[in-house]
């Protein structure tokens, strides 16, 4: 259970969501949410599902974080796939994503 709670916190931080936002969405106060995470409490599926919705990720991605679960049946054989992993500082993340996705870049990288 500890890993799932750590994964929730890692995803929350990665997305820049404050604990208070998740707490309010769950109907609890921020200290209660924080205590819930730090005590390594058991988590029921319905609560995990609520948190996944708030973080906008599938439940399975919380469980497998930092890896993402990919259902093999959803992959079409005729589709060419490329998987690339980059490690960049947060200030360069958006620039890199735009570059990779072919979007017009309007800002200069520092």
Protein backbone atom coordinates (compact mmCIF):
# COMPACT_ATOMS: atom_id res chain seq x y z
CA UNK A 1 0.00 0.00 0.00
CA UNK A 2 2.87 2.33 0.79
CA UNK A 3 3.98 2.38 -2.86
CA UNK A 4 0.53 3.36 -4.11
CA UNK A 5 0.38 6.26 -1.65
CA UNK A 6 3.88 7.36 -2.70
CA UNK A 7 2.80 7.11 -6.33
CA UNK A 8 -0.24 9.28 -5.64
CA UNK A 9 1.97 11.94 -4.10
CA UNK A 10 4.51 11.72 -6.94
CA UNK A 11 1.77 12.14 -9.55
CA UNK A 12 0.22 14.99 -7.57
CA UNK A 13 3.54 16.84 -7.44
CA UNK A 14 4.27 16.06 -11.10
CA UNK A 15 0.99 17.66 -12.10
CA UNK A 16 1.47 20.64 -9.79
CA UNK A 17 -1.71 19.93 -7.83
CA UNK A 18 -1.72 21.04 -4.21
CA UNK A 19 -2.82 18.66 -1.46
CA UNK A 20 -5.62 21.04 -0.53
CA UNK A 21 -7.14 20.69 -4.02
CA UNK A 22 -7.28 16.91 -3.74
CA UNK A 23 -8.53 17.12 -0.15
CA UNK A 24 -11.38 19.45 -1.12
CA UNK A 25 -12.33 17.22 -4.06
CA UNK A 26 -12.45 14.26 -1.67
CA UNK A 27 -14.50 16.21 0.87
CA UNK A 28 -11.84 16.30 3.60
CA UNK A 29 -9.53 18.93 5.06
CA UNK A 30 -5.92 19.16 3.86
CA UNK A 31 -4.42 17.93 7.17
CA UNK A 32 -6.67 14.86 7.04
CA UNK A 33 -5.53 14.10 3.48
CA UNK A 34 -1.87 14.63 4.41
CA UNK A 35 -2.25 12.39 7.46
CA UNK A 36 -3.93 9.74 5.33
CA UNK A 37 -0.96 9.70 2.92
CA UNK A 38 1.81 9.85 5.54
CA UNK A 39 0.30 7.17 7.80
CA UNK A 40 0.45 4.68 4.92
CA UNK A 41 -3.23 3.95 5.45
CA UNK A 42 -5.08 1.28 3.53
CA UNK A 43 -6.87 2.72 0.53
CA UNK A 44 -10.19 1.46 -0.75
CA UNK A 45 -10.69 1.16 -4.49
CA UNK A 46 -13.45 3.78 -4.60
CA UNK A 47 -11.12 6.32 -2.93
CA UNK A 48 -8.27 5.36 -5.28
CA UNK A 49 -10.65 5.78 -8.20
CA UNK A 50 -11.66 9.26 -6.96
CA UNK A 51 -8.01 10.29 -6.66
CA UNK A 52 -7.25 8.90 -10.14
CA UNK A 53 -10.07 11.03 -11.54
CA UNK A 54 -8.71 14.13 -9.82
CA UNK A 55 -5.22 13.42 -11.16
CA UNK A 56 -6.71 12.57 -14.59
CA UNK A 57 -4.99 9.18 -14.83
CA UNK A 58 -6.28 5.60 -14.92
CA UNK A 59 -6.10 3.73 -11.60
CA UNK A 60 -3.69 1.23 -13.15
CA UNK A 61 -1.23 4.06 -13.91
CA UNK A 62 -1.18 5.01 -10.23
CA UNK A 63 -0.39 1.42 -9.34
CA UNK A 64 2.34 1.01 -11.97
CA UNK A 65 3.82 4.54 -11.67
CA UNK A 66 6.24 5.69 -13.03
CA UNK A 67 5.51 3.17 -15.78
CA UNK A 68 2.27 3.43 -17.71
CA UNK A 69 0.12 0.42 -18.32
CA UNK A 70 -0.62 -0.20 -22.00
CA UNK A 71 -3.30 -2.74 -22.84
CA UNK A 72 -1.85 -4.97 -25.56
CA UNK A 73 -5.28 -5.33 -27.17
CA UNK A 74 -5.43 -1.58 -27.75
CA UNK A 75 -2.28 -1.64 -29.89
CA UNK A 76 -2.90 -2.11 -33.58
CA UNK A 77 -0.33 -4.27 -35.34
CA UNK A 78 -0.07 -2.00 -38.38
CA UNK A 79 0.77 0.99 -36.20
CA UNK A 80 4.42 1.88 -35.87
CA UNK A 81 5.31 2.72 -32.30
CA UNK A 82 8.19 4.69 -30.92
CA UNK A 83 8.90 5.06 -27.22
CA UNK A 84 11.34 7.70 -26.01
CA UNK A 85 12.19 8.76 -22.48
CA UNK A 86 13.69 12.15 -21.68
CA UNK A 87 14.87 13.57 -18.41
CA UNK A 88 14.79 17.36 -18.43
CA UNK A 89 14.46 20.13 -15.91
CA UNK A 90 10.89 21.35 -15.32
CA UNK A 91 11.54 24.66 -17.09
CA UNK A 92 12.41 22.82 -20.32
CA UNK A 93 9.61 20.23 -20.22
CA UNK A 94 7.01 22.25 -22.17
CA UNK A 95 9.59 23.27 -24.77
CA UNK A 96 10.60 19.64 -25.31
CA UNK A 97 6.99 18.44 -25.56
CA UNK A 98 6.19 21.08 -28.18
CA UNK A 99 9.33 20.16 -30.10
CA UNK A 100 8.52 16.45 -30.08
CA UNK A 101 4.84 16.97 -30.95
CA UNK A 102 5.68 19.31 -33.82
CA UNK A 103 3.97 22.35 -32.36
CA UNK A 104 5.11 25.84 -33.25
CA UNK A 105 7.56 27.04 -30.62
CA UNK A 106 7.15 30.68 -29.72
CA UNK A 107 9.48 30.92 -26.74
CA UNK A 108 13.23 30.59 -26.55
CA UNK A 109 14.81 27.96 -24.37
CA UNK A 110 17.10 29.30 -21.66
